[in-house]
PDB file of N, CA and C in Angstrom:
ATOM      1  N   UNK A   1      59.160 127.454 -13.500  1.00  0.00           N
ATOM      2  CA  UNK A   1      59.805 127.241 -12.229  1.00  0.00           C
ATOM      3  C   UNK A   1      58.941 127.849 -11.131  1.00  0.00           C
ATOM      4  N   UNK A   2      58.914 127.192 -10.004  1.00  0.00           N
ATOM      5  CA  UNK A   2      58.123 127.639  -8.872  1.00  0.00           C
ATOM      6  C   UNK A   2      58.958 128.582  -8.009  1.00  0.00           C
ATOM      7  N   UNK A   3      58.428 129.778  -7.767  1.00  0.00           N
ATOM      8  CA  UNK A   3      59.100 130.735  -6.892  1.00  0.00           C
ATOM      9  C   UNK A   3      58.302 130.960  -5.615  1.00  0.00           C
ATOM     10  N   UNK A   4      56.999 130.912  -5.725  1.00  0.00           N
ATOM     11  CA  UNK A   4      56.127 131.081  -4.573  1.00  0.00           C
ATOM     12  C   UNK A   4      55.169 129.915  -4.549  1.00  0.00           C
ATOM     13  N   UNK A   5      55.053 129.189  -3.533  1.00  0.00           N
ATOM     14  CA  UNK A   5      55.826 129.189  -2.296  1.00  0.00           C
ATOM     15  C   UNK A   5      57.228 128.632  -2.523  1.00  0.00           C
ATOM     16  N   UNK A   6      58.164 128.967  -1.640  1.00  0.00           N
ATOM     17  CA  UNK A   6      59.557 128.539  -1.807  1.00  0.00           C
ATOM     18  C   UNK A   6      59.698 127.008  -1.794  1.00  0.00           C
ATOM     19  N   UNK A   7      60.527 126.499  -2.672  1.00  0.00           N
ATOM     20  CA  UNK A   7      60.712 125.059  -2.808  1.00  0.00           C
ATOM     21  C   UNK A   7      61.218 124.429  -1.518  1.00  0.00           C
ATOM     22  N   UNK A   8      62.101 125.105  -0.813  1.00  0.00           N
ATOM     23  CA  UNK A   8      62.618 124.537   0.440  1.00  0.00           C
ATOM     24  C   UNK A   8      61.496 124.336   1.462  1.00  0.00           C
ATOM     25  N   UNK A   9      60.575 125.274   1.536  1.00  0.00           N
ATOM     26  CA  UNK A   9      59.452 125.133   2.463  1.00  0.00           C
ATOM     27  C   UNK A   9      58.527 124.000   2.036  1.00  0.00           C
ATOM     28  N   UNK A  10      58.317 123.869   0.740  1.00  0.00           N
ATOM     29  CA  UNK A  10      57.487 122.774   0.232  1.00  0.00           C
ATOM     30  C   UNK A  10      58.137 121.427   0.532  1.00  0.00           C
ATOM     31  N   UNK A  11      59.440 121.332   0.330  1.00  0.00           N
ATOM     32  CA  UNK A  11      60.160 120.084   0.587  1.00  0.00           C
ATOM     33  C   UNK A  11      60.083 119.709   2.061  1.00  0.00           C
ATOM     34  N   UNK A  12      60.113 120.684   2.947  1.00  0.00           N
ATOM     35  CA  UNK A  12      59.980 120.406   4.377  1.00  0.00           C
ATOM     36  C   UNK A  12      58.611 119.820   4.695  1.00  0.00           C
ATOM     37  N   UNK A  13      57.578 120.322   4.028  1.00  0.00           N
ATOM     38  CA  UNK A  13      56.222 119.825   4.274  1.00  0.00           C
ATOM     39  C   UNK A  13      56.054 118.393   3.778  1.00  0.00           C
ATOM     40  N   UNK A  14      56.732 118.050   2.680  1.00  0.00           N
ATOM     41  CA  UNK A  14      56.589 116.725   2.084  1.00  0.00           C
ATOM     42  C   UNK A  14      57.617 115.749   2.656  1.00  0.00           C
ATOM     43  N   UNK A  15      58.827 116.196   2.897  1.00  0.00           N
ATOM     44  CA  UNK A  15      59.850 115.320   3.453  1.00  0.00           C
ATOM     45  C   UNK A  15      61.171 115.399   2.721  1.00  0.00           C
ATOM     46  N   UNK A  16      61.132 115.580   1.399  1.00  0.00           N
ATOM     47  CA  UNK A  16      62.362 115.707   0.612  1.00  0.00           C
ATOM     48  C   UNK A  16      62.034 116.354  -0.727  1.00  0.00           C
ATOM     49  N   UNK A  17      63.057 116.861  -1.375  1.00  0.00           N
ATOM     50  CA  UNK A  17      62.849 117.480  -2.690  1.00  0.00           C
ATOM     51  C   UNK A  17      62.443 116.447  -3.731  1.00  0.00           C
ATOM     52  N   UNK A  18      62.980 115.232  -3.589  1.00  0.00           N
ATOM     53  CA  UNK A  18      62.603 114.170  -4.528  1.00  0.00           C
ATOM     54  C   UNK A  18      61.116 113.856  -4.389  1.00  0.00           C
ATOM     55  N   UNK A  19      60.667 113.654  -3.170  1.00  0.00           N
ATOM     56  CA  UNK A  19      59.260 113.343  -2.937  1.00  0.00           C
ATOM     57  C   UNK A  19      58.372 114.499  -3.364  1.00  0.00           C
ATOM     58  N   UNK A  20      58.828 115.724  -3.151  1.00  0.00           N
ATOM     59  CA  UNK A  20      58.093 116.902  -3.601  1.00  0.00           C
ATOM     60  C   UNK A  20      57.885 116.854  -5.108  1.00  0.00           C
ATOM     61  N   UNK A  21      58.918 116.509  -5.833  1.00  0.00           N
ATOM     62  CA  UNK A  21      58.839 116.417  -7.291  1.00  0.00           C
ATOM     63  C   UNK A  21      57.801 115.382  -7.717  1.00  0.00           C
ATOM     64  N   UNK A  22      57.826 114.232  -7.083  1.00  0.00           N
ATOM     65  CA  UNK A  22      56.896 113.154  -7.429  1.00  0.00           C
ATOM     66  C   UNK A  22      55.457 113.558  -7.123  1.00  0.00           C
ATOM     67  N   UNK A  23      55.225 114.054  -5.906  1.00  0.00           N
ATOM     68  CA  UNK A  23      53.877 114.414  -5.483  1.00  0.00           C
ATOM     69  C   UNK A  23      53.316 115.557  -6.329  1.00  0.00           C
ATOM     70  N   UNK A  24      54.109 116.588  -6.522  1.00  0.00           N
ATOM     71  CA  UNK A  24      53.644 117.752  -7.287  1.00  0.00           C
ATOM     72  C   UNK A  24      53.374 117.393  -8.744  1.00  0.00           C
ATOM     73  N   UNK A  25      54.215 116.566  -9.344  1.00  0.00           N
ATOM     74  CA  UNK A  25      54.001 116.215 -10.746  1.00  0.00           C
ATOM     75  C   UNK A  25      52.763 115.333 -10.919  1.00  0.00           C
ATOM     76  N   UNK A  26      52.531 114.418  -9.983  1.00  0.00           N
ATOM     77  CA  UNK A  26      51.326 113.588 -10.060  1.00  0.00           C
ATOM     78  C   UNK A  26      50.072 114.437  -9.937  1.00  0.00           C
ATOM     79  N   UNK A  27      50.083 115.374  -9.006  1.00  0.00           N
ATOM     80  CA  UNK A  27      48.919 116.240  -8.825  1.00  0.00           C
ATOM     81  C   UNK A  27      48.728 117.163 -10.019  1.00  0.00           C
ATOM     82  N   UNK A  28      49.802 117.658 -10.586  1.00  0.00           N
ATOM     83  CA  UNK A  28      49.702 118.521 -11.769  1.00  0.00           C
ATOM     84  C   UNK A  28      49.076 117.755 -12.933  1.00  0.00           C
ATOM     85  N   UNK A  29      49.455 116.484 -13.098  1.00  0.00           N
ATOM     86  CA  UNK A  29      48.852 115.663 -14.148  1.00  0.00           C
ATOM     87  C   UNK A  29      47.359 115.474 -13.905  1.00  0.00           C
ATOM     88  N   UNK A  30      46.976 115.262 -12.643  1.00  0.00           N
ATOM     89  CA  UNK A  30      45.556 115.127 -12.315  1.00  0.00           C
ATOM     90  C   UNK A  30      44.798 116.401 -12.663  1.00  0.00           C
ATOM     91  N   UNK A  31      45.376 117.536 -12.337  1.00  0.00           N
ATOM     92  CA  UNK A  31      44.738 118.823 -12.633  1.00  0.00           C
ATOM     93  C   UNK A  31      44.564 118.998 -14.136  1.00  0.00           C
ATOM     94  N   UNK A  32      45.578 118.638 -14.914  1.00  0.00           N
ATOM     95  CA  UNK A  32      45.489 118.751 -16.380  1.00  0.00           C
ATOM     96  C   UNK A  32      44.412 117.814 -16.928  1.00  0.00           C
ATOM     97  N   UNK A  33      44.363 116.587 -16.430  1.00  0.00           N
ATOM     98  CA  UNK A  33      43.355 115.634 -16.893  1.00  0.00           C
ATOM     99  C   UNK A  33      41.952 116.102 -16.557  1.00  0.00           C
ATOM    100  N   UNK A  34      41.754 116.643 -15.367  1.00  0.00           N
ATOM    101  CA  UNK A  34      40.445 117.160 -14.984  1.00  0.00           C
ATOM    102  C   UNK A  34      40.022 118.302 -15.900  1.00  0.00           C
ATOM    103  N   UNK A  35      40.952 119.190 -16.202  1.00  0.00           N
ATOM    104  CA  UNK A  35      40.644 120.322 -17.083  1.00  0.00           C
ATOM    105  C   UNK A  35      40.285 119.836 -18.485  1.00  0.00           C
ATOM    106  N   UNK A  36      41.008 118.841 -18.981  1.00  0.00           N
ATOM    107  CA  UNK A  36      40.706 118.300 -20.308  1.00  0.00           C
ATOM    108  C   UNK A  36      39.345 117.622 -20.329  1.00  0.00           C
ATOM    109  N   UNK A  37      39.025 116.879 -19.272  1.00  0.00           N
ATOM    110  CA  UNK A  37      37.727 116.196 -19.204  1.00  0.00           C
ATOM    111  C   UNK A  37      36.576 117.183 -19.109  1.00  0.00           C
ATOM    112  N   UNK A  38      36.809 118.320 -18.468  1.00  0.00           N
ATOM    113  CA  UNK A  38      35.771 119.333 -18.311  1.00  0.00           C
ATOM    114  C   UNK A  38      35.775 120.345 -19.449  1.00  0.00           C
ATOM    115  N   UNK A  39      36.771 120.268 -20.319  1.00  0.00           N
ATOM    116  CA  UNK A  39      36.856 121.197 -21.438  1.00  0.00           C
ATOM    117  C   UNK A  39      37.265 122.593 -21.032  1.00  0.00           C
ATOM    118  N   UNK A  40      38.025 122.715 -19.961  1.00  0.00           N
ATOM    119  CA  UNK A  40      38.429 124.033 -19.466  1.00  0.00           C
ATOM    120  C   UNK A  40      39.945 124.210 -19.542  1.00  0.00           C
ATOM    121  N   UNK A  41      40.554 123.768 -20.615  1.00  0.00           N
ATOM    122  CA  UNK A  41      42.008 123.836 -20.726  1.00  0.00           C
ATOM    123  C   UNK A  41      42.525 125.262 -20.886  1.00  0.00           C
ATOM    124  N   UNK A  42      41.678 126.208 -21.282  1.00  0.00           N
ATOM    125  CA  UNK A  42      42.152 127.588 -21.410  1.00  0.00           C
ATOM    126  C   UNK A  42      42.516 128.177 -20.049  1.00  0.00           C
ATOM    127  N   UNK A  43      41.948 127.654 -18.969  1.00  0.00           N
ATOM    128  CA  UNK A  43      42.299 128.116 -17.622  1.00  0.00           C
ATOM    129  C   UNK A  43      43.699 127.681 -17.222  1.00  0.00           C
ATOM    130  N   UNK A  44      44.255 126.674 -17.879  1.00  0.00           N
ATOM    131  CA  UNK A  44      45.585 126.186 -17.543  1.00  0.00           C
ATOM    132  C   UNK A  44      46.660 127.215 -17.881  1.00  0.00           C
ATOM    133  N   UNK A  45      46.374 128.122 -18.805  1.00  0.00           N
ATOM    134  CA  UNK A  45      47.338 129.164 -19.139  1.00  0.00           C
ATOM    135  C   UNK A  45      47.458 130.189 -18.007  1.00  0.00           C
ATOM    136  N   UNK A  46      46.372 130.413 -17.306  1.00  0.00           N
ATOM    137  CA  UNK A  46      46.364 131.383 -16.217  1.00  0.00           C
ATOM    138  C   UNK A  46      46.948 130.752 -14.954  1.00  0.00           C
ATOM    139  N   UNK A  47      46.436 129.606 -14.582  1.00  0.00           N
ATOM    140  CA  UNK A  47      46.894 128.894 -13.381  1.00  0.00           C
ATOM    141  C   UNK A  47      47.610 127.625 -13.818  1.00  0.00           C
ATOM    142  N   UNK A  48      48.906 127.664 -13.851  1.00  0.00           N
ATOM    143  CA  UNK A  48      49.691 126.506 -14.265  1.00  0.00           C
ATOM    144  C   UNK A  48      49.448 125.340 -13.313  1.00  0.00           C
ATOM    145  N   UNK A  49      49.273 124.129 -13.846  1.00  0.00           N
ATOM    146  CA  UNK A  49      48.995 122.972 -12.990  1.00  0.00           C
ATOM    147  C   UNK A  49      50.059 122.731 -11.916  1.00  0.00           C
ATOM    148  N   UNK A  50      51.314 122.912 -12.240  1.00  0.00           N
ATOM    149  CA  UNK A  50      52.364 122.688 -11.253  1.00  0.00           C
ATOM    150  C   UNK A  50      52.314 123.742 -10.146  1.00  0.00           C
ATOM    151  N   UNK A  51      52.009 124.965 -10.503  1.00  0.00           N
ATOM    152  CA  UNK A  51      51.870 126.026  -9.493  1.00  0.00           C
ATOM    153  C   UNK A  51      50.671 125.756  -8.591  1.00  0.00           C
ATOM    154  N   UNK A  52      49.590 125.265  -9.175  1.00  0.00           N
ATOM    155  CA  UNK A  52      48.409 124.917  -8.382  1.00  0.00           C
ATOM    156  C   UNK A  52      48.728 123.786  -7.413  1.00  0.00           C
ATOM    157  N   UNK A  53      49.449 122.779  -7.891  1.00  0.00           N
ATOM    158  CA  UNK A  53      49.841 121.657  -7.036  1.00  0.00           C
ATOM    159  C   UNK A  53      50.747 122.133  -5.904  1.00  0.00           C
ATOM    160  N   UNK A  54      51.680 123.002  -6.202  1.00  0.00           N
ATOM    161  CA  UNK A  54      52.586 123.533  -5.183  1.00  0.00           C
ATOM    162  C   UNK A  54      51.811 124.311  -4.132  1.00  0.00           C
ATOM    163  N   UNK A  55      50.839 125.087  -4.555  1.00  0.00           N
ATOM    164  CA  UNK A  55      50.039 125.850  -3.601  1.00  0.00           C
ATOM    165  C   UNK A  55      49.214 124.920  -2.719  1.00  0.00           C
ATOM    166  N   UNK A  56      48.690 123.837  -3.287  1.00  0.00           N
ATOM    167  CA  UNK A  56      47.939 122.863  -2.494  1.00  0.00           C
ATOM    168  C   UNK A  56      48.833 122.223  -1.437  1.00  0.00           C
ATOM    169  N   UNK A  57      50.068 121.917  -1.792  1.00  0.00           N
ATOM    170  CA  UNK A  57      51.015 121.357  -0.829  1.00  0.00           C
ATOM    171  C   UNK A  57      51.285 122.365   0.276  1.00  0.00           C
ATOM    172  N   UNK A  58      51.525 123.595  -0.098  1.00  0.00           N
ATOM    173  CA  UNK A  58      51.838 124.650   0.867  1.00  0.00           C
ATOM    174  C   UNK A  58      50.671 124.890   1.827  1.00  0.00           C
ATOM    175  N   UNK A  59      49.453 124.807   1.298  1.00  0.00           N
ATOM    176  CA  UNK A  59      48.260 125.038   2.116  1.00  0.00           C
ATOM    177  C   UNK A  59      47.893 123.831   2.973  1.00  0.00           C
ATOM    178  N   UNK A  60      48.592 122.711   2.784  1.00  0.00           N
ATOM    179  CA  UNK A  60      48.304 121.514   3.552  1.00  0.00           C
ATOM    180  C   UNK A  60      47.168 120.684   3.001  1.00  0.00           C
ATOM    181  N   UNK A  61      46.714 120.995   1.795  1.00  0.00           N
ATOM    182  CA  UNK A  61      45.624 120.253   1.168  1.00  0.00           C
ATOM    183  C   UNK A  61      46.103 118.967   0.504  1.00  0.00           C
ATOM    184  N   UNK A  62      47.407 118.861   0.316  1.00  0.00           N
ATOM    185  CA  UNK A  62      48.001 117.716  -0.369  1.00  0.00           C
ATOM    186  C   UNK A  62      49.185 117.234   0.448  1.00  0.00           C
ATOM    187  N   UNK A  63      49.183 115.950   0.769  1.00  0.00           N
ATOM    188  CA  UNK A  63      50.275 115.363   1.539  1.00  0.00           C
ATOM    189  C   UNK A  63      50.764 114.122   0.843  1.00  0.00           C
ATOM    190  N   UNK A  64      51.939 113.676   1.233  1.00  0.00           N
ATOM    191  CA  UNK A  64      52.549 112.489   0.641  1.00  0.00           C
ATOM    192  C   UNK A  64      52.183 111.273   1.470  1.00  0.00           C
ATOM    193  N   UNK A  65      51.877 110.172   0.785  1.00  0.00           N
ATOM    194  CA  UNK A  65      51.650 108.895   1.450  1.00  0.00           C
ATOM    195  C   UNK A  65      52.590 107.869   0.865  1.00  0.00           C
ATOM    196  N   UNK A  66      52.800 106.810   1.554  1.00  0.00           N
ATOM    197  CA  UNK A  66      53.702 105.752   1.075  1.00  0.00           C
ATOM    198  C   UNK A  66      52.911 104.716   0.287  1.00  0.00           C
ATOM    199  N   UNK A  67      52.584 105.042  -0.961  1.00  0.00           N
ATOM    200  CA  UNK A  67      51.879 104.095  -1.837  1.00  0.00           C
ATOM    201  C   UNK A  67      52.817 103.467  -2.815  1.00  0.00           C
TER     202      UNK A  67
END
């Protein structure tokens, strides 16, 4: 579960909690795939993909588009 950054703040940045779930899960999957392709899956235990995605959203590095 994500505690930092707060989910309500993340949802405000994206638009809704539903959209937050979709965007964060897609990005987390991308992060996992990149780690598997690079052979660095042991780093996933330290930095959880969903937490990394949430931090990217909070930092403004990841935004939602209507695709």
